[in-house]
Amino acid sequence: MDENLREILLGVLAAGITAALGWFARTYLWRRKQLRKQRFFGLPDNSECLLVVNRDPSTTEWAVQRNDVFALLELSALIKDCGAHADVVPQDGAQQGFGERTEFCLGGPTSNRRMAAHLQSLLPGVQINIDREPGPDRSAFTIGGESYRLEHGTSEYVLLARLTAGQSGDDVRPVFLFCGQRGVTNQAASRYLARHHVKLARKHGQQGNFCLLLKVVNSQAYGPDVVELVADVTRAATTPVAPTNGRRGAHRA
């Protein structure tokens, strides 16, 4: 009887040790994954970040377009997962430099002044046609000599960028840009970041800069769900372009 009891106790003890080791291993792996995610986004526990919201260009009043609201929800979930907090401010209310807090900036240069400033200082190789008159080049991106035109509901482009503005070290607070030709493209870029941030961190480094050109395919049927990576345009986007004369309606970033 004593021998059987000893075997039972040893079995229970072994099972307890195995369960404890498994729990510690899972906790360690989860925490390591969480720390990598926090470093990539610059969002340690209980930190604060800035969500810069663009205005709806179709109205003169301060309003946020429906797809941009969905994009903010995607980003809010990411921020919450990192254990951080977001301060939501309108595009003309953000007045801070680089490195103070991680920033997520949403919208094109016509609907977001903050985005226009970031394009000019951080992505000088990007040109965006901001002419309000209808035409085939309206809202077109020009990067590295290549032009990317907007085709409503069929082929629409957005820039997704992570930029550190010269910061270095383990305490970097990056700027994330979601600069699209339409609201649905901003939502697509935020969803792309949520789904692929691990792969992006592995490819570009947890402290690396990148600027990706994405294409939203057939949004009138699929919404923001079908997204193609057109190119990594980091080098072209961060290299200033030579001045040109008579470029009407273009925003040179």
C-alpha atoms as a PDB file:
ATOM      1  CA  MET A   1       0.000   0.000   0.000  1.00  0.00           C
ATOM      2  CA  ASP A   2       2.831   2.373   0.908  1.00  0.00           C
ATOM      3  CA  GLU A   3       4.559   1.613  -2.413  1.00  0.00           C
ATOM      4  CA  ASN A   4       1.415   2.360  -4.414  1.00  0.00           C
ATOM      5  CA  LEU A   5       0.831   5.595  -2.502  1.00  0.00           C
ATOM      6  CA  ARG A   6       4.443   6.640  -3.140  1.00  0.00           C
ATOM      7  CA  GLU A   7       4.005   6.047  -6.865  1.00  0.00           C
ATOM      8  CA  ILE A   8       0.791   8.052  -6.909  1.00  0.00           C
ATOM      9  CA  LEU A   9       2.409  10.950  -5.076  1.00  0.00           C
ATOM     10  CA  LEU A  10       5.414  10.885  -7.383  1.00  0.00           C
ATOM     11  CA  GLY A  11       3.096  10.866 -10.408  1.00  0.00           C
ATOM     12  CA  VAL A  12       1.132  13.819  -9.079  1.00  0.00           C
ATOM     13  CA  LEU A  13       4.355  15.678  -8.286  1.00  0.00           C
ATOM     14  CA  ALA A  14       5.764  14.995 -11.761  1.00  0.00           C
ATOM     15  CA  ALA A  15       2.534  16.139 -13.388  1.00  0.00           C
ATOM     16  CA  GLY A  16       2.591  19.324 -11.292  1.00  0.00           C
ATOM     17  CA  ILE A  17       6.209  20.067 -12.207  1.00  0.00           C
ATOM     18  CA  THR A  18       5.493  19.422 -15.895  1.00  0.00           C
ATOM     19  CA  ALA A  19       2.447  21.714 -15.823  1.00  0.00           C
ATOM     20  CA  ALA A  20       4.422  24.429 -14.035  1.00  0.00           C
ATOM     21  CA  LEU A  21       7.292  24.206 -16.519  1.00  0.00           C
ATOM     22  CA  GLY A  22       4.818  24.340 -19.400  1.00  0.00           C
ATOM     23  CA  TRP A  23       3.130  27.402 -17.917  1.00  0.00           C
ATOM     24  CA  PHE A  24       6.453  29.165 -17.380  1.00  0.00           C
ATOM     25  CA  ALA A  25       7.559  28.308 -20.918  1.00  0.00           C
ATOM     26  CA  ARG A  26       4.340  29.609 -22.453  1.00  0.00           C
ATOM     27  CA  THR A  27       4.519  32.757 -20.317  1.00  0.00           C
ATOM     28  CA  TYR A  28       8.142  33.354 -21.312  1.00  0.00           C
ATOM     29  CA  LEU A  29       7.418  32.903 -25.025  1.00  0.00           C
ATOM     30  CA  TRP A  30       4.335  35.135 -24.820  1.00  0.00           C
ATOM     31  CA  ARG A  31       6.259  37.820 -22.968  1.00  0.00           C
ATOM     32  CA  ARG A  32       9.132  37.713 -25.439  1.00  0.00           C
ATOM     33  CA  LYS A  33       6.677  38.026 -28.324  1.00  0.00           C
ATOM     34  CA  GLN A  34       4.930  40.885 -26.517  1.00  0.00           C
ATOM     35  CA  LEU A  35       8.214  42.747 -25.941  1.00  0.00           C
ATOM     36  CA  ARG A  36       9.127  42.427 -29.609  1.00  0.00           C
ATOM     37  CA  LYS A  37       5.731  43.828 -30.576  1.00  0.00           C
ATOM     38  CA  GLN A  38       6.066  46.684 -28.101  1.00  0.00           C
ATOM     39  CA  ARG A  39       9.539  47.582 -29.392  1.00  0.00           C
ATOM     40  CA  PHE A  40       8.360  47.563 -32.998  1.00  0.00           C
ATOM     41  CA  PHE A  41       5.487  49.921 -32.231  1.00  0.00           C
ATOM     42  CA  GLY A  42       7.374  51.909 -29.607  1.00  0.00           C
ATOM     43  CA  LEU A  43       4.655  51.157 -27.072  1.00  0.00           C
ATOM     44  CA  PRO A  44       5.918  49.785 -23.754  1.00  0.00           C
ATOM     45  CA  ASP A  45       3.495  49.006 -20.936  1.00  0.00           C
ATOM     46  CA  ASN A  46       1.332  51.976 -19.863  1.00  0.00           C
ATOM     47  CA  SER A  47       2.888  54.291 -22.447  1.00  0.00           C
ATOM     48  CA  GLU A  48       0.934  56.869 -24.424  1.00  0.00           C
ATOM     49  CA  CYS A  49       0.742  57.397 -28.158  1.00  0.00           C
ATOM     50  CA  LEU A  50      -0.874  59.823 -30.557  1.00  0.00           C
ATOM     51  CA  LEU A  51      -3.627  58.986 -33.036  1.00  0.00           C
ATOM     52  CA  VAL A  52      -3.831  61.856 -35.516  1.00  0.00           C
ATOM     53  CA  VAL A  53      -7.215  61.822 -37.242  1.00  0.00           C
ATOM     54  CA  ASN A  54      -7.838  63.391 -40.626  1.00  0.00           C
ATOM     55  CA  ARG A  55     -11.039  65.184 -41.525  1.00  0.00           C
ATOM     56  CA  ASP A  56     -13.584  64.070 -44.089  1.00  0.00           C
ATOM     57  CA  PRO A  57     -12.651  66.051 -47.239  1.00  0.00           C
ATOM     58  CA  SER A  58     -16.226  65.849 -48.537  1.00  0.00           C
ATOM     59  CA  THR A  59     -17.537  68.207 -45.859  1.00  0.00           C
ATOM     60  CA  THR A  60     -16.524  71.611 -44.544  1.00  0.00           C
ATOM     61  CA  GLU A  61     -17.357  70.590 -40.976  1.00  0.00           C
ATOM     62  CA  TRP A  62     -15.056  68.553 -38.756  1.00  0.00           C
ATOM     63  CA  ALA A  63     -15.994  64.949 -39.388  1.00  0.00           C
ATOM     64  CA  VAL A  64     -14.254  61.609 -39.882  1.00  0.00           C
ATOM     65  CA  GLN A  65     -15.071  59.396 -42.819  1.00  0.00           C
ATOM     66  CA  ARG A  66     -16.569  55.965 -42.099  1.00  0.00           C
ATOM     67  CA  ASN A  67     -13.600  53.931 -43.360  1.00  0.00           C
ATOM     68  CA  ASP A  68     -11.196  56.097 -41.384  1.00  0.00           C
ATOM     69  CA  VAL A  69     -13.184  55.326 -38.236  1.00  0.00           C
ATOM     70  CA  PHE A  70     -12.721  51.619 -38.964  1.00  0.00           C
ATOM     71  CA  ALA A  71      -8.992  52.239 -39.452  1.00  0.00           C
ATOM     72  CA  LEU A  72      -8.835  53.916 -36.049  1.00  0.00           C
ATOM     73  CA  LEU A  73     -10.516  50.865 -34.510  1.00  0.00           C
ATOM     74  CA  GLU A  74      -7.881  48.596 -36.080  1.00  0.00           C
ATOM     75  CA  LEU A  75      -5.096  50.746 -34.643  1.00  0.00           C
ATOM     76  CA  SER A  76      -6.792  51.052 -31.259  1.00  0.00           C
ATOM     77  CA  ALA A  77      -6.835  47.257 -30.955  1.00  0.00           C
ATOM     78  CA  LEU A  78      -3.094  47.124 -31.676  1.00  0.00           C
ATOM     79  CA  ILE A  79      -2.393  49.805 -29.099  1.00  0.00           C
ATOM     80  CA  LYS A  80      -4.483  48.030 -26.468  1.00  0.00           C
ATOM     81  CA  ASP A  81      -2.706  44.727 -27.145  1.00  0.00           C
ATOM     82  CA  CYS A  82       0.593  46.470 -26.364  1.00  0.00           C
ATOM     83  CA  GLY A  83      -0.769  47.687 -23.020  1.00  0.00           C
ATOM     84  CA  ALA A  84      -0.587  51.327 -24.102  1.00  0.00           C
ATOM     85  CA  HIS A  85      -3.051  54.219 -24.281  1.00  0.00           C
ATOM     86  CA  ALA A  86      -3.999  56.454 -27.203  1.00  0.00           C
ATOM     87  CA  ASP A  87      -4.626  60.180 -27.286  1.00  0.00           C
ATOM     88  CA  VAL A  88      -6.868  60.949 -30.283  1.00  0.00           C
ATOM     89  CA  VAL A  89      -6.366  64.435 -31.746  1.00  0.00           C
ATOM     90  CA  PRO A  90      -7.588  66.131 -34.942  1.00  0.00           C
ATOM     91  CA  GLN A  91      -5.167  66.751 -37.804  1.00  0.00           C
ATOM     92  CA  ASP A  92      -4.693  70.418 -36.908  1.00  0.00           C
ATOM     93  CA  GLY A  93      -4.373  69.834 -33.169  1.00  0.00           C
ATOM     94  CA  ALA A  94      -1.193  67.741 -33.003  1.00  0.00           C
ATOM     95  CA  GLN A  95       1.795  69.841 -32.029  1.00  0.00           C
ATOM     96  CA  GLN A  96       4.688  67.657 -30.974  1.00  0.00           C
ATOM     97  CA  GLY A  97       8.041  66.722 -32.428  1.00  0.00           C
ATOM     98  CA  PHE A  98       9.537  63.322 -33.080  1.00  0.00           C
ATOM     99  CA  GLY A  99      10.460  60.917 -30.335  1.00  0.00           C
ATOM    100  CA  GLU A 100       8.117  62.098 -27.598  1.00  0.00           C
ATOM    101  CA  ARG A 101       5.373  59.565 -28.272  1.00  0.00           C
ATOM    102  CA  THR A 102       4.656  56.995 -30.940  1.00  0.00           C
ATOM    103  CA  GLU A 103       2.376  58.503 -33.555  1.00  0.00           C
ATOM    104  CA  PHE A 104      -0.141  56.987 -35.942  1.00  0.00           C
ATOM    105  CA  CYS A 105      -1.086  59.518 -38.632  1.00  0.00           C
ATOM    106  CA  LEU A 106      -4.013  58.830 -40.934  1.00  0.00           C
ATOM    107  CA  GLY A 107      -5.087  60.376 -44.253  1.00  0.00           C
ATOM    108  CA  GLY A 108      -3.730  62.225 -47.274  1.00  0.00           C
ATOM    109  CA  PRO A 109      -2.119  65.685 -47.333  1.00  0.00           C
ATOM    110  CA  THR A 110      -5.341  67.443 -48.351  1.00  0.00           C
ATOM    111  CA  SER A 111      -7.299  66.177 -45.341  1.00  0.00           C
ATOM    112  CA  ASN A 112      -4.480  66.034 -42.804  1.00  0.00           C
ATOM    113  CA  ARG A 113      -2.047  68.914 -42.277  1.00  0.00           C
ATOM    114  CA  ARG A 114       0.082  66.769 -40.035  1.00  0.00           C
ATOM    115  CA  MET A 115       0.458  64.210 -42.823  1.00  0.00           C
ATOM    116  CA  ALA A 116       1.462  66.965 -45.262  1.00  0.00           C
ATOM    117  CA  ALA A 117       4.209  68.037 -42.843  1.00  0.00           C
ATOM    118  CA  HIS A 118       5.423  64.459 -42.367  1.00  0.00           C
ATOM    119  CA  LEU A 119       5.577  63.871 -46.106  1.00  0.00           C
ATOM    120  CA  GLN A 120       7.625  67.001 -46.600  1.00  0.00           C
ATOM    121  CA  SER A 121      10.129  66.255 -43.850  1.00  0.00           C
ATOM    122  CA  LEU A 122      10.263  62.440 -43.792  1.00  0.00           C
ATOM    123  CA  LEU A 123       9.291  61.312 -47.327  1.00  0.00           C
ATOM    124  CA  PRO A 124      10.638  64.026 -49.652  1.00  0.00           C
ATOM    125  CA  GLY A 125      10.653  61.663 -52.624  1.00  0.00           C
ATOM    126  CA  VAL A 126       6.861  61.324 -52.667  1.00  0.00           C
ATOM    127  CA  GLN A 127       4.718  63.592 -54.834  1.00  0.00           C
ATOM    128  CA  ILE A 128       0.927  63.577 -54.557  1.00  0.00           C
ATOM    129  CA  ASN A 129      -1.343  65.373 -56.993  1.00  0.00           C
ATOM    130  CA  ILE A 130      -3.715  67.471 -54.877  1.00  0.00           C
ATOM    131  CA  ASP A 131      -5.456  69.248 -57.747  1.00  0.00           C
ATOM    132  CA  ARG A 132      -9.157  69.522 -56.895  1.00  0.00           C
ATOM    133  CA  GLU A 133     -10.199  69.637 -60.537  1.00  0.00           C
ATOM    134  CA  PRO A 134     -11.303  66.286 -62.028  1.00  0.00           C
ATOM    135  CA  GLY A 135      -8.709  64.540 -64.155  1.00  0.00           C
ATOM    136  CA  PRO A 136      -6.885  61.237 -64.585  1.00  0.00           C
ATOM    137  CA  ASP A 137      -3.963  62.363 -62.417  1.00  0.00           C
ATOM    138  CA  ARG A 138      -6.018  63.598 -59.489  1.00  0.00           C
ATOM    139  CA  SER A 139      -4.711  62.032 -56.230  1.00  0.00           C
ATOM    140  CA  ALA A 140      -1.989  60.196 -58.170  1.00  0.00           C
ATOM    141  CA  PHE A 141       1.232  59.208 -56.383  1.00  0.00           C
ATOM    142  CA  THR A 142       4.583  59.771 -58.065  1.00  0.00           C
ATOM    143  CA  ILE A 143       7.500  57.919 -56.493  1.00  0.00           C
ATOM    144  CA  GLY A 144      10.865  57.347 -58.100  1.00  0.00           C
ATOM    145  CA  GLY A 145       9.574  58.554 -61.452  1.00  0.00           C
ATOM    146  CA  GLU A 146       6.670  56.077 -61.430  1.00  0.00           C
ATOM    147  CA  SER A 147       3.082  57.317 -61.325  1.00  0.00           C
ATOM    148  CA  TYR A 148       0.266  55.457 -59.585  1.00  0.00           C
ATOM    149  CA  ARG A 149      -3.187  56.698 -60.578  1.00  0.00           C
ATOM    150  CA  LEU A 150      -6.392  56.319 -58.652  1.00  0.00           C
ATOM    151  CA  GLU A 151      -9.077  54.173 -60.291  1.00  0.00           C
ATOM    152  CA  HIS A 152     -12.124  54.393 -58.056  1.00  0.00           C
ATOM    153  CA  GLY A 153     -13.256  51.022 -56.763  1.00  0.00           C
ATOM    154  CA  THR A 154     -10.782  49.150 -58.951  1.00  0.00           C
ATOM    155  CA  SER A 155      -7.192  50.085 -58.206  1.00  0.00           C
ATOM    156  CA  GLU A 156      -6.351  52.394 -55.307  1.00  0.00           C
ATOM    157  CA  TYR A 157      -3.007  53.032 -53.599  1.00  0.00           C
ATOM    158  CA  VAL A 158      -1.817  53.767 -50.090  1.00  0.00           C
ATOM    159  CA  LEU A 159       1.556  54.337 -48.450  1.00  0.00           C
ATOM    160  CA  LEU A 160       2.300  52.500 -45.218  1.00  0.00           C
ATOM    161  CA  ALA A 161       5.415  53.791 -43.498  1.00  0.00           C
ATOM    162  CA  ARG A 162       7.291  53.355 -40.237  1.00  0.00           C
ATOM    163  CA  LEU A 163       9.795  56.159 -39.705  1.00  0.00           C
ATOM    164  CA  THR A 164      12.065  56.886 -36.758  1.00  0.00           C
ATOM    165  CA  ALA A 165      13.183  60.391 -37.821  1.00  0.00           C
ATOM    166  CA  GLY A 166      16.812  59.770 -36.870  1.00  0.00           C
ATOM    167  CA  GLN A 167      16.096  58.184 -33.482  1.00  0.00           C
ATOM    168  CA  SER A 168      18.208  55.264 -32.323  1.00  0.00           C
ATOM    169  CA  GLY A 169      18.438  52.924 -29.362  1.00  0.00           C
ATOM    170  CA  ASP A 170      15.889  50.745 -27.605  1.00  0.00           C
ATOM    171  CA  ASP A 171      13.555  53.598 -26.648  1.00  0.00           C
ATOM    172  CA  VAL A 172      12.495  54.673 -30.152  1.00  0.00           C
ATOM    173  CA  ARG A 173       9.071  56.258 -30.659  1.00  0.00           C
ATOM    174  CA  PRO A 174       8.349  55.867 -34.396  1.00  0.00           C
ATOM    175  CA  VAL A 175       5.846  57.599 -36.642  1.00  0.00           C
ATOM    176  CA  PHE A 176       3.459  55.367 -38.605  1.00  0.00           C
ATOM    177  CA  LEU A 177       1.913  56.904 -41.711  1.00  0.00           C
ATOM    178  CA  PHE A 178      -1.210  55.667 -43.490  1.00  0.00           C
ATOM    179  CA  CYS A 179      -1.428  57.916 -46.526  1.00  0.00           C
ATOM    180  CA  GLY A 180      -4.076  56.686 -48.962  1.00  0.00           C
ATOM    181  CA  GLN A 181      -5.895  57.933 -52.012  1.00  0.00           C
ATOM    182  CA  ARG A 182      -9.253  57.140 -50.358  1.00  0.00           C
ATOM    183  CA  GLY A 183     -10.561  56.296 -46.891  1.00  0.00           C
ATOM    184  CA  VAL A 184     -10.885  52.610 -47.750  1.00  0.00           C
ATOM    185  CA  THR A 185      -7.159  52.479 -48.508  1.00  0.00           C
ATOM    186  CA  ASN A 186      -6.312  53.929 -45.091  1.00  0.00           C
ATOM    187  CA  GLN A 187      -8.351  51.163 -43.503  1.00  0.00           C
ATOM    188  CA  ALA A 188      -6.640  48.587 -45.719  1.00  0.00           C
ATOM    189  CA  ALA A 189      -3.188  49.817 -44.657  1.00  0.00           C
ATOM    190  CA  SER A 190      -4.047  49.711 -40.952  1.00  0.00           C
ATOM    191  CA  ARG A 191      -5.390  46.173 -41.362  1.00  0.00           C
ATOM    192  CA  TYR A 192      -2.274  45.169 -43.313  1.00  0.00           C
ATOM    193  CA  LEU A 193      -0.082  46.455 -40.476  1.00  0.00           C
ATOM    194  CA  ALA A 194      -2.146  44.573 -37.883  1.00  0.00           C
ATOM    195  CA  ARG A 195      -1.852  41.327 -39.831  1.00  0.00           C
ATOM    196  CA  HIS A 196       1.779  41.554 -40.937  1.00  0.00           C
ATOM    197  CA  HIS A 197       3.627  43.472 -38.215  1.00  0.00           C
ATOM    198  CA  VAL A 198       5.567  40.378 -37.155  1.00  0.00           C
ATOM    199  CA  LYS A 199       6.804  39.781 -40.702  1.00  0.00           C
ATOM    200  CA  LEU A 200       7.574  43.475 -41.155  1.00  0.00           C
ATOM    201  CA  ALA A 201       9.588  43.572 -37.924  1.00  0.00           C
ATOM    202  CA  ARG A 202      11.505  40.475 -38.990  1.00  0.00           C
ATOM    203  CA  LYS A 203      12.295  41.909 -42.427  1.00  0.00           C
ATOM    204  CA  HIS A 204      13.043  45.536 -41.560  1.00  0.00           C
ATOM    205  CA  GLY A 205      14.151  45.150 -37.949  1.00  0.00           C
ATOM    206  CA  GLN A 206      12.357  46.210 -34.812  1.00  0.00           C
ATOM    207  CA  GLN A 207      13.943  49.646 -35.106  1.00  0.00           C
ATOM    208  CA  GLY A 208      14.000  49.875 -38.903  1.00  0.00           C
ATOM    209  CA  ASN A 209      12.430  52.354 -41.297  1.00  0.00           C
ATOM    210  CA  PHE A 210      10.282  51.342 -44.233  1.00  0.00           C
ATOM    211  CA  CYS A 211       7.803  52.787 -46.698  1.00  0.00           C
ATOM    212  CA  LEU A 212       5.586  50.336 -48.564  1.00  0.00           C
ATOM    213  CA  LEU A 213       3.311  51.018 -51.504  1.00  0.00           C
ATOM    214  CA  LEU A 214       0.142  48.932 -51.263  1.00  0.00           C
ATOM    215  CA  LYS A 215      -2.663  48.517 -53.781  1.00  0.00           C
ATOM    216  CA  VAL A 216      -6.260  47.872 -52.772  1.00  0.00           C
ATOM    217  CA  VAL A 217      -7.873  45.694 -55.427  1.00  0.00           C
ATOM    218  CA  ASN A 218     -11.555  45.993 -56.372  1.00  0.00           C
ATOM    219  CA  SER A 219     -12.659  47.719 -53.173  1.00  0.00           C
ATOM    220  CA  GLN A 220     -16.198  48.115 -54.510  1.00  0.00           C
ATOM    221  CA  ALA A 221     -16.569  44.335 -54.187  1.00  0.00           C
ATOM    222  CA  TYR A 222     -14.055  43.353 -51.503  1.00  0.00           C
ATOM    223  CA  GLY A 223     -13.706  46.507 -49.422  1.00  0.00           C
ATOM    224  CA  PRO A 224     -10.297  46.789 -47.690  1.00  0.00           C
ATOM    225  CA  ASP A 225      -9.621  43.048 -47.572  1.00  0.00           C
ATOM    226  CA  VAL A 226      -7.751  42.416 -50.845  1.00  0.00           C
ATOM    227  CA  VAL A 227      -4.403  44.189 -50.664  1.00  0.00           C
ATOM    228  CA  GLU A 228      -1.283  43.691 -52.762  1.00  0.00           C
ATOM    229  CA  LEU A 229       2.217  44.811 -51.898  1.00  0.00           C
ATOM    230  CA  VAL A 230       3.335  46.754 -54.977  1.00  0.00           C
ATOM    231  CA  ALA A 231       6.849  47.640 -53.851  1.00  0.00           C
ATOM    232  CA  ASP A 232       9.122  48.633 -51.019  1.00  0.00           C
ATOM    233  CA  VAL A 233       9.712  52.276 -51.984  1.00  0.00           C
ATOM    234  CA  THR A 234      11.739  53.272 -48.926  1.00  0.00           C
ATOM    235  CA  ARG A 235      14.807  54.454 -50.806  1.00  0.00           C
ATOM    236  CA  ALA A 236      12.915  56.403 -53.469  1.00  0.00           C
ATOM    237  CA  ALA A 237      10.461  57.907 -50.959  1.00  0.00           C
ATOM    238  CA  THR A 238      13.181  59.124 -48.602  1.00  0.00           C
ATOM    239  CA  THR A 239      15.359  60.600 -51.362  1.00  0.00           C
ATOM    240  CA  PRO A 240      14.506  64.210 -52.319  1.00  0.00           C
ATOM    241  CA  VAL A 241      13.545  64.742 -55.951  1.00  0.00           C
ATOM    242  CA  ALA A 242      14.980  67.466 -58.124  1.00  0.00           C
ATOM    243  CA  PRO A 243      12.760  70.568 -58.414  1.00  0.00           C
ATOM    244  CA  THR A 244      10.525  70.726 -61.484  1.00  0.00           C
ATOM    245  CA  ASN A 245       8.791  73.713 -62.991  1.00  0.00           C
ATOM    246  CA  GLY A 246       5.090  73.940 -63.791  1.00  0.00           C
ATOM    247  CA  ARG A 247       4.001  70.939 -61.756  1.00  0.00           C
ATOM    248  CA  ARG A 248       0.472  72.144 -61.108  1.00  0.00           C
ATOM    249  CA  GLY A 249      -1.560  70.765 -58.245  1.00  0.00           C
ATOM    250  CA  ALA A 250       1.218  68.567 -56.890  1.00  0.00           C
ATOM    251  CA  HIS A 251       2.192  68.255 -53.269  1.00  0.00           C
ATOM    252  CA  ARG A 252       5.910  67.595 -53.043  1.00  0.00           C
ATOM    253  CA  ALA A 253       6.635  65.739 -49.860  1.00  0.00           C
END
